[in-house]
């Protein structure tokens, strides 16, 4: 688990509707239960990609909860 801006971050693998490959994202949740609670109350999950883009930047992401098909703990 990582820590950013005073929040504990964990990595999860998101399988999104209409996408061929999962996306690994660090989110401010300590467990799958925390993430489940977050997703039940919010329309978007905010996080940061774990793989840098072509410029070496770890991009921030917003994932619409309505597009999430499955989430797997990656840590």
PDB file of N, CA and C in Angstrom:
ATOM      1  N   UNK A   1       0.824  -1.181   0.000  1.00  0.00           N
ATOM      2  CA  UNK A   1       0.000   0.000   0.000  1.00  0.00           C
ATOM      3  C   UNK A   1       0.869   1.245   0.000  1.00  0.00           C
ATOM      4  N   UNK A   2       0.442   2.226  -0.729  1.00  0.00           N
ATOM      5  CA  UNK A   2       1.146   3.508  -0.788  1.00  0.00           C
ATOM      6  C   UNK A   2       0.357   4.537   0.010  1.00  0.00           C
ATOM      7  N   UNK A   3       0.966   5.692   0.211  1.00  0.00           N
ATOM      8  CA  UNK A   3       0.282   6.760   0.919  1.00  0.00           C
ATOM      9  C   UNK A   3       0.456   8.052   0.139  1.00  0.00           C
ATOM     10  N   UNK A   4      -0.650   8.749  -0.126  1.00  0.00           N
ATOM     11  CA  UNK A   4      -0.602  10.003  -0.873  1.00  0.00           C
ATOM     12  C   UNK A   4      -1.501  11.027  -0.200  1.00  0.00           C
ATOM     13  N   UNK A   5      -0.940  12.198   0.058  1.00  0.00           N
ATOM     14  CA  UNK A   5      -1.696  13.294   0.674  1.00  0.00           C
ATOM     15  C   UNK A   5      -2.372  12.852   1.966  1.00  0.00           C
ATOM     16  N   UNK A   6      -1.694  12.035   2.753  1.00  0.00           N
ATOM     17  CA  UNK A   6      -2.245  11.604   4.028  1.00  0.00           C
ATOM     18  C   UNK A   6      -3.275  10.488   3.942  1.00  0.00           C
ATOM     19  N   UNK A   7      -3.535   9.984   2.749  1.00  0.00           N
ATOM     20  CA  UNK A   7      -4.513   8.908   2.574  1.00  0.00           C
ATOM     21  C   UNK A   7      -3.790   7.614   2.247  1.00  0.00           C
ATOM     22  N   UNK A   8      -4.260   6.526   2.800  1.00  0.00           N
ATOM     23  CA  UNK A   8      -3.684   5.224   2.484  1.00  0.00           C
ATOM     24  C   UNK A   8      -4.255   4.779   1.144  1.00  0.00           C
ATOM     25  N   UNK A   9      -3.360   4.356   0.246  1.00  0.00           N
ATOM     26  CA  UNK A   9      -3.762   3.951  -1.093  1.00  0.00           C
ATOM     27  C   UNK A   9      -3.490   2.461  -1.274  1.00  0.00           C
ATOM     28  N   UNK A  10      -4.386   1.785  -1.969  1.00  0.00           N
ATOM     29  CA  UNK A  10      -4.182   0.381  -2.327  1.00  0.00           C
ATOM     30  C   UNK A  10      -4.421   0.244  -3.827  1.00  0.00           C
ATOM     31  N   UNK A  11      -3.821  -0.784  -4.405  1.00  0.00           N
ATOM     32  CA  UNK A  11      -3.942  -1.009  -5.845  1.00  0.00           C
ATOM     33  C   UNK A  11      -5.010  -2.054  -6.121  1.00  0.00           C
ATOM     34  N   UNK A  12      -5.873  -1.741  -7.081  1.00  0.00           N
ATOM     35  CA  UNK A  12      -6.938  -2.648  -7.507  1.00  0.00           C
ATOM     36  C   UNK A  12      -6.911  -2.762  -9.024  1.00  0.00           C
ATOM     37  N   UNK A  13      -7.304  -3.906  -9.523  1.00  0.00           N
ATOM     38  CA  UNK A  13      -7.392  -4.162 -10.961  1.00  0.00           C
ATOM     39  C   UNK A  13      -8.868  -4.024 -11.354  1.00  0.00           C
ATOM     40  N   UNK A  14      -9.172  -3.000 -12.151  1.00  0.00           N
ATOM     41  CA  UNK A  14     -10.542  -2.725 -12.591  1.00  0.00           C
ATOM     42  C   UNK A  14     -10.773  -3.317 -13.974  1.00  0.00           C
ATOM     43  N   UNK A  15     -11.787  -4.149 -14.105  1.00  0.00           N
ATOM     44  CA  UNK A  15     -12.234  -4.647 -15.409  1.00  0.00           C
ATOM     45  C   UNK A  15     -13.442  -3.790 -15.777  1.00  0.00           C
ATOM     46  N   UNK A  16     -13.320  -3.067 -16.884  1.00  0.00           N
ATOM     47  CA  UNK A  16     -14.352  -2.122 -17.290  1.00  0.00           C
ATOM     48  C   UNK A  16     -15.165  -2.658 -18.460  1.00  0.00           C
ATOM     49  N   UNK A  17     -16.434  -2.336 -18.476  1.00  0.00           N
ATOM     50  CA  UNK A  17     -17.322  -2.724 -19.571  1.00  0.00           C
ATOM     51  C   UNK A  17     -16.789  -2.099 -20.862  1.00  0.00           C
ATOM     52  N   UNK A  18     -16.661  -2.914 -21.907  1.00  0.00           N
ATOM     53  CA  UNK A  18     -16.205  -2.429 -23.208  1.00  0.00           C
ATOM     54  C   UNK A  18     -14.698  -2.327 -23.350  1.00  0.00           C
ATOM     55  N   UNK A  19     -13.948  -2.786 -22.354  1.00  0.00           N
ATOM     56  CA  UNK A  19     -12.490  -2.732 -22.412  1.00  0.00           C
ATOM     57  C   UNK A  19     -11.936  -4.147 -22.462  1.00  0.00           C
ATOM     58  N   UNK A  20     -10.878  -4.343 -23.249  1.00  0.00           N
ATOM     59  CA  UNK A  20     -10.289  -5.672 -23.401  1.00  0.00           C
ATOM     60  C   UNK A  20      -9.347  -6.057 -22.276  1.00  0.00           C
ATOM     61  N   UNK A  21      -8.706  -5.075 -21.656  1.00  0.00           N
ATOM     62  CA  UNK A  21      -7.729  -5.360 -20.621  1.00  0.00           C
ATOM     63  C   UNK A  21      -8.066  -4.599 -19.346  1.00  0.00           C
ATOM     64  N   UNK A  22      -7.749  -5.190 -18.194  1.00  0.00           N
ATOM     65  CA  UNK A  22      -7.996  -4.481 -16.924  1.00  0.00           C
ATOM     66  C   UNK A  22      -7.045  -3.307 -16.760  1.00  0.00           C
ATOM     67  N   UNK A  23      -7.421  -2.395 -15.894  1.00  0.00           N
ATOM     68  CA  UNK A  23      -6.620  -1.220 -15.582  1.00  0.00           C
ATOM     69  C   UNK A  23      -6.247  -1.293 -14.108  1.00  0.00           C
ATOM     70  N   UNK A  24      -4.941  -1.170 -13.797  1.00  0.00           N
ATOM     71  CA  UNK A  24      -4.508  -1.150 -12.402  1.00  0.00           C
ATOM     72  C   UNK A  24      -4.475   0.289 -11.918  1.00  0.00           C
ATOM     73  N   UNK A  25      -5.199   0.534 -10.813  1.00  0.00           N
ATOM     74  CA  UNK A  25      -5.359   1.882 -10.294  1.00  0.00           C
ATOM     75  C   UNK A  25      -5.145   1.873  -8.790  1.00  0.00           C
ATOM     76  N   UNK A  26      -4.408   2.861  -8.277  1.00  0.00           N
ATOM     77  CA  UNK A  26      -4.294   3.078  -6.841  1.00  0.00           C
ATOM     78  C   UNK A  26      -5.432   3.983  -6.423  1.00  0.00           C
ATOM     79  N   UNK A  27      -6.188   3.561  -5.419  1.00  0.00           N
ATOM     80  CA  UNK A  27      -7.308   4.352  -4.915  1.00  0.00           C
ATOM     81  C   UNK A  27      -7.179   4.507  -3.402  1.00  0.00           C
ATOM     82  N   UNK A  28      -7.877   5.484  -2.851  1.00  0.00           N
ATOM     83  CA  UNK A  28      -7.841   5.756  -1.412  1.00  0.00           C
ATOM     84  C   UNK A  28      -8.788   4.814  -0.679  1.00  0.00           C
ATOM     85  N   UNK A  29      -8.447   3.542  -0.692  1.00  0.00           N
ATOM     86  CA  UNK A  29      -9.209   2.516   0.029  1.00  0.00           C
ATOM     87  C   UNK A  29      -8.200   1.502   0.541  1.00  0.00           C
ATOM     88  N   UNK A  30      -8.410   0.991   1.733  1.00  0.00           N
ATOM     89  CA  UNK A  30      -7.459   0.054   2.321  1.00  0.00           C
ATOM     90  C   UNK A  30      -7.801  -1.399   2.029  1.00  0.00           C
ATOM     91  N   UNK A  31      -9.037  -1.648   1.587  1.00  0.00           N
ATOM     92  CA  UNK A  31      -9.469  -3.023   1.329  1.00  0.00           C
ATOM     93  C   UNK A  31     -10.578  -3.019   0.293  1.00  0.00           C
ATOM     94  N   UNK A  32     -10.935  -4.207  -0.153  1.00  0.00           N
ATOM     95  CA  UNK A  32     -12.039  -4.334  -1.110  1.00  0.00           C
ATOM     96  C   UNK A  32     -13.356  -3.875  -0.466  1.00  0.00           C
ATOM     97  N   UNK A  33     -13.482  -4.058   0.847  1.00  0.00           N
ATOM     98  CA  UNK A  33     -14.682  -3.591   1.550  1.00  0.00           C
ATOM     99  C   UNK A  33     -14.767  -2.072   1.543  1.00  0.00           C
ATOM    100  N   UNK A  34     -13.633  -1.391   1.779  1.00  0.00           N
ATOM    101  CA  UNK A  34     -13.612   0.070   1.706  1.00  0.00           C
ATOM    102  C   UNK A  34     -13.974   0.554   0.301  1.00  0.00           C
ATOM    103  N   UNK A  35     -13.420  -0.106  -0.702  1.00  0.00           N
ATOM    104  CA  UNK A  35     -13.707   0.270  -2.086  1.00  0.00           C
ATOM    105  C   UNK A  35     -15.182   0.044  -2.413  1.00  0.00           C
ATOM    106  N   UNK A  36     -15.734  -1.049  -1.941  1.00  0.00           N
ATOM    107  CA  UNK A  36     -17.156  -1.339  -2.155  1.00  0.00           C
ATOM    108  C   UNK A  36     -18.034  -0.247  -1.546  1.00  0.00           C
ATOM    109  N   UNK A  37     -17.704   0.159  -0.330  1.00  0.00           N
ATOM    110  CA  UNK A  37     -18.460   1.228   0.330  1.00  0.00           C
ATOM    111  C   UNK A  37     -18.346   2.527  -0.460  1.00  0.00           C
ATOM    112  N   UNK A  38     -17.136   2.846  -0.912  1.00  0.00           N
ATOM    113  CA  UNK A  38     -16.905   4.059  -1.691  1.00  0.00           C
ATOM    114  C   UNK A  38     -17.723   4.033  -2.980  1.00  0.00           C
ATOM    115  N   UNK A  39     -17.701   2.898  -3.680  1.00  0.00           N
ATOM    116  CA  UNK A  39     -18.398   2.793  -4.963  1.00  0.00           C
ATOM    117  C   UNK A  39     -19.915   2.819  -4.805  1.00  0.00           C
ATOM    118  N   UNK A  40     -20.417   2.406  -3.655  1.00  0.00           N
ATOM    119  CA  UNK A  40     -21.869   2.415  -3.448  1.00  0.00           C
ATOM    120  C   UNK A  40     -22.399   3.818  -3.179  1.00  0.00           C
ATOM    121  N   UNK A  41     -21.509   4.753  -2.806  1.00  0.00           N
ATOM    122  CA  UNK A  41     -21.926   6.113  -2.462  1.00  0.00           C
ATOM    123  C   UNK A  41     -21.541   7.162  -3.498  1.00  0.00           C
ATOM    124  N   UNK A  42     -20.627   6.818  -4.406  1.00  0.00           N
ATOM    125  CA  UNK A  42     -20.120   7.802  -5.351  1.00  0.00           C
ATOM    126  C   UNK A  42     -20.336   7.340  -6.785  1.00  0.00           C
ATOM    127  N   UNK A  43     -20.439   8.307  -7.703  1.00  0.00           N
ATOM    128  CA  UNK A  43     -20.605   7.987  -9.119  1.00  0.00           C
ATOM    129  C   UNK A  43     -19.282   7.712  -9.808  1.00  0.00           C
ATOM    130  N   UNK A  44     -18.187   8.192  -9.222  1.00  0.00           N
ATOM    131  CA  UNK A  44     -16.861   8.013  -9.800  1.00  0.00           C
ATOM    132  C   UNK A  44     -15.876   7.553  -8.732  1.00  0.00           C
ATOM    133  N   UNK A  45     -14.904   6.751  -9.156  1.00  0.00           N
ATOM    134  CA  UNK A  45     -13.780   6.369  -8.299  1.00  0.00           C
ATOM    135  C   UNK A  45     -12.582   7.173  -8.776  1.00  0.00           C
ATOM    136  N   UNK A  46     -11.943   7.886  -7.860  1.00  0.00           N
ATOM    137  CA  UNK A  46     -10.773   8.694  -8.185  1.00  0.00           C
ATOM    138  C   UNK A  46      -9.520   7.919  -7.803  1.00  0.00           C
ATOM    139  N   UNK A  47      -8.520   7.952  -8.685  1.00  0.00           N
ATOM    140  CA  UNK A  47      -7.289   7.237  -8.386  1.00  0.00           C
ATOM    141  C   UNK A  47      -6.151   7.676  -9.281  1.00  0.00           C
ATOM    142  N   UNK A  48      -5.108   6.848  -9.296  1.00  0.00           N
ATOM    143  CA  UNK A  48      -3.917   7.123 -10.092  1.00  0.00           C
ATOM    144  C   UNK A  48      -3.466   5.823 -10.737  1.00  0.00           C
ATOM    145  N   UNK A  49      -3.190   5.868 -12.054  1.00  0.00           N
ATOM    146  CA  UNK A  49      -2.707   4.685 -12.757  1.00  0.00           C
ATOM    147  C   UNK A  49      -1.391   4.216 -12.155  1.00  0.00           C
ATOM    148  N   UNK A  50      -1.163   2.911 -12.134  1.00  0.00           N
ATOM    149  CA  UNK A  50       0.079   2.378 -11.583  1.00  0.00           C
ATOM    150  C   UNK A  50       1.169   2.257 -12.647  1.00  0.00           C
ATOM    151  N   UNK A  51       0.797   2.302 -13.918  1.00  0.00           N
ATOM    152  CA  UNK A  51       1.759   2.218 -15.019  1.00  0.00           C
ATOM    153  C   UNK A  51       1.898   3.596 -15.664  1.00  0.00           C
ATOM    154  N   UNK A  52       3.128   4.095 -15.803  1.00  0.00           N
ATOM    155  CA  UNK A  52       3.316   5.408 -16.423  1.00  0.00           C
ATOM    156  C   UNK A  52       2.967   5.393 -17.910  1.00  0.00           C
ATOM    157  N   UNK A  53       2.555   6.557 -18.396  1.00  0.00           N
ATOM    158  CA  UNK A  53       2.268   6.682 -19.825  1.00  0.00           C
ATOM    159  C   UNK A  53       3.576   6.864 -20.588  1.00  0.00           C
ATOM    160  N   UNK A  54       3.510   7.191 -21.861  1.00  0.00           N
ATOM    161  CA  UNK A  54       4.695   7.331 -22.703  1.00  0.00           C
ATOM    162  C   UNK A  54       5.657   8.411 -22.238  1.00  0.00           C
ATOM    163  N   UNK A  55       5.149   9.390 -21.476  1.00  0.00           N
ATOM    164  CA  UNK A  55       5.987  10.473 -20.957  1.00  0.00           C
ATOM    165  C   UNK A  55       6.481  10.199 -19.538  1.00  0.00           C
ATOM    166  N   UNK A  56       6.177   9.008 -19.009  1.00  0.00           N
ATOM    167  CA  UNK A  56       6.609   8.655 -17.661  1.00  0.00           C
ATOM    168  C   UNK A  56       5.742   9.227 -16.556  1.00  0.00           C
ATOM    169  N   UNK A  57       4.531   9.657 -16.899  1.00  0.00           N
ATOM    170  CA  UNK A  57       3.622  10.271 -15.930  1.00  0.00           C
ATOM    171  C   UNK A  57       2.610   9.233 -15.440  1.00  0.00           C
ATOM    172  N   UNK A  58       2.399   9.202 -14.126  1.00  0.00           N
ATOM    173  CA  UNK A  58       1.338   8.369 -13.554  1.00  0.00           C
ATOM    174  C   UNK A  58       0.075   9.223 -13.512  1.00  0.00           C
ATOM    175  N   UNK A  59      -0.760   9.057 -14.505  1.00  0.00           N
ATOM    176  CA  UNK A  59      -1.932   9.908 -14.683  1.00  0.00           C
ATOM    177  C   UNK A  59      -3.010   9.634 -13.635  1.00  0.00           C
ATOM    178  N   UNK A  60      -3.676  10.697 -13.223  1.00  0.00           N
ATOM    179  CA  UNK A  60      -4.847  10.570 -12.372  1.00  0.00           C
ATOM    180  C   UNK A  60      -6.028  10.139 -13.226  1.00  0.00           C
ATOM    181  N   UNK A  61      -6.938   9.371 -12.635  1.00  0.00           N
ATOM    182  CA  UNK A  61      -8.093   8.886 -13.387  1.00  0.00           C
ATOM    183  C   UNK A  61      -9.373   9.017 -12.571  1.00  0.00           C
ATOM    184  N   UNK A  62     -10.476   9.163 -13.285  1.00  0.00           N
ATOM    185  CA  UNK A  62     -11.819   9.052 -12.720  1.00  0.00           C
ATOM    186  C   UNK A  62     -12.496   7.908 -13.458  1.00  0.00           C
ATOM    187  N   UNK A  63     -12.974   6.926 -12.726  1.00  0.00           N
ATOM    188  CA  UNK A  63     -13.651   5.789 -13.340  1.00  0.00           C
ATOM    189  C   UNK A  63     -15.116   5.834 -12.933  1.00  0.00           C
ATOM    190  N   UNK A  64     -15.993   5.866 -13.923  1.00  0.00           N
ATOM    191  CA  UNK A  64     -17.428   5.844 -13.635  1.00  0.00           C
ATOM    192  C   UNK A  64     -17.808   4.489 -13.051  1.00  0.00           C
ATOM    193  N   UNK A  65     -18.443   4.497 -11.896  1.00  0.00           N
ATOM    194  CA  UNK A  65     -18.796   3.235 -11.243  1.00  0.00           C
ATOM    195  C   UNK A  65     -19.752   2.408 -12.094  1.00  0.00           C
ATOM    196  N   UNK A  66     -20.509   3.060 -12.956  1.00  0.00           N
ATOM    197  CA  UNK A  66     -21.439   2.334 -13.824  1.00  0.00           C
ATOM    198  C   UNK A  66     -20.722   1.529 -14.907  1.00  0.00           C
ATOM    199  N   UNK A  67     -19.431   1.801 -15.144  1.00  0.00           N
ATOM    200  CA  UNK A  67     -18.651   1.099 -16.167  1.00  0.00           C
ATOM    201  C   UNK A  67     -17.823  -0.054 -15.594  1.00  0.00           C
ATOM    202  N   UNK A  68     -17.836  -0.215 -14.268  1.00  0.00           N
ATOM    203  CA  UNK A  68     -17.024  -1.246 -13.619  1.00  0.00           C
ATOM    204  C   UNK A  68     -17.761  -2.584 -13.663  1.00  0.00           C
ATOM    205  N   UNK A  69     -17.097  -3.560 -14.249  1.00  0.00           N
ATOM    206  CA  UNK A  69     -17.664  -4.897 -14.352  1.00  0.00           C
ATOM    207  C   UNK A  69     -17.189  -5.774 -13.199  1.00  0.00           C
ATOM    208  N   UNK A  70     -15.900  -5.606 -12.804  1.00  0.00           N
ATOM    209  CA  UNK A  70     -15.308  -6.434 -11.769  1.00  0.00           C
ATOM    210  C   UNK A  70     -14.093  -5.711 -11.219  1.00  0.00           C
ATOM    211  N   UNK A  71     -13.814  -5.918  -9.915  1.00  0.00           N
ATOM    212  CA  UNK A  71     -12.625  -5.348  -9.284  1.00  0.00           C
ATOM    213  C   UNK A  71     -11.908  -6.453  -8.532  1.00  0.00           C
ATOM    214  N   UNK A  72     -10.585  -6.514  -8.712  1.00  0.00           N
ATOM    215  CA  UNK A  72      -9.764  -7.537  -8.056  1.00  0.00           C
ATOM    216  C   UNK A  72      -8.645  -6.835  -7.294  1.00  0.00           C
ATOM    217  N   UNK A  73      -8.407  -7.251  -6.046  1.00  0.00           N
ATOM    218  CA  UNK A  73      -7.296  -6.705  -5.271  1.00  0.00           C
ATOM    219  C   UNK A  73      -5.990  -7.068  -5.947  1.00  0.00           C
ATOM    220  N   UNK A  74      -5.113  -6.088  -6.139  1.00  0.00           N
ATOM    221  CA  UNK A  74      -3.838  -6.342  -6.799  1.00  0.00           C
ATOM    222  C   UNK A  74      -2.676  -6.399  -5.822  1.00  0.00           C
ATOM    223  N   UNK A  75      -2.856  -5.941  -4.609  1.00  0.00           N
ATOM    224  CA  UNK A  75      -1.779  -5.947  -3.596  1.00  0.00           C
ATOM    225  C   UNK A  75      -1.638  -7.315  -2.981  1.00  0.00           C
TER     226      UNK A  75
END
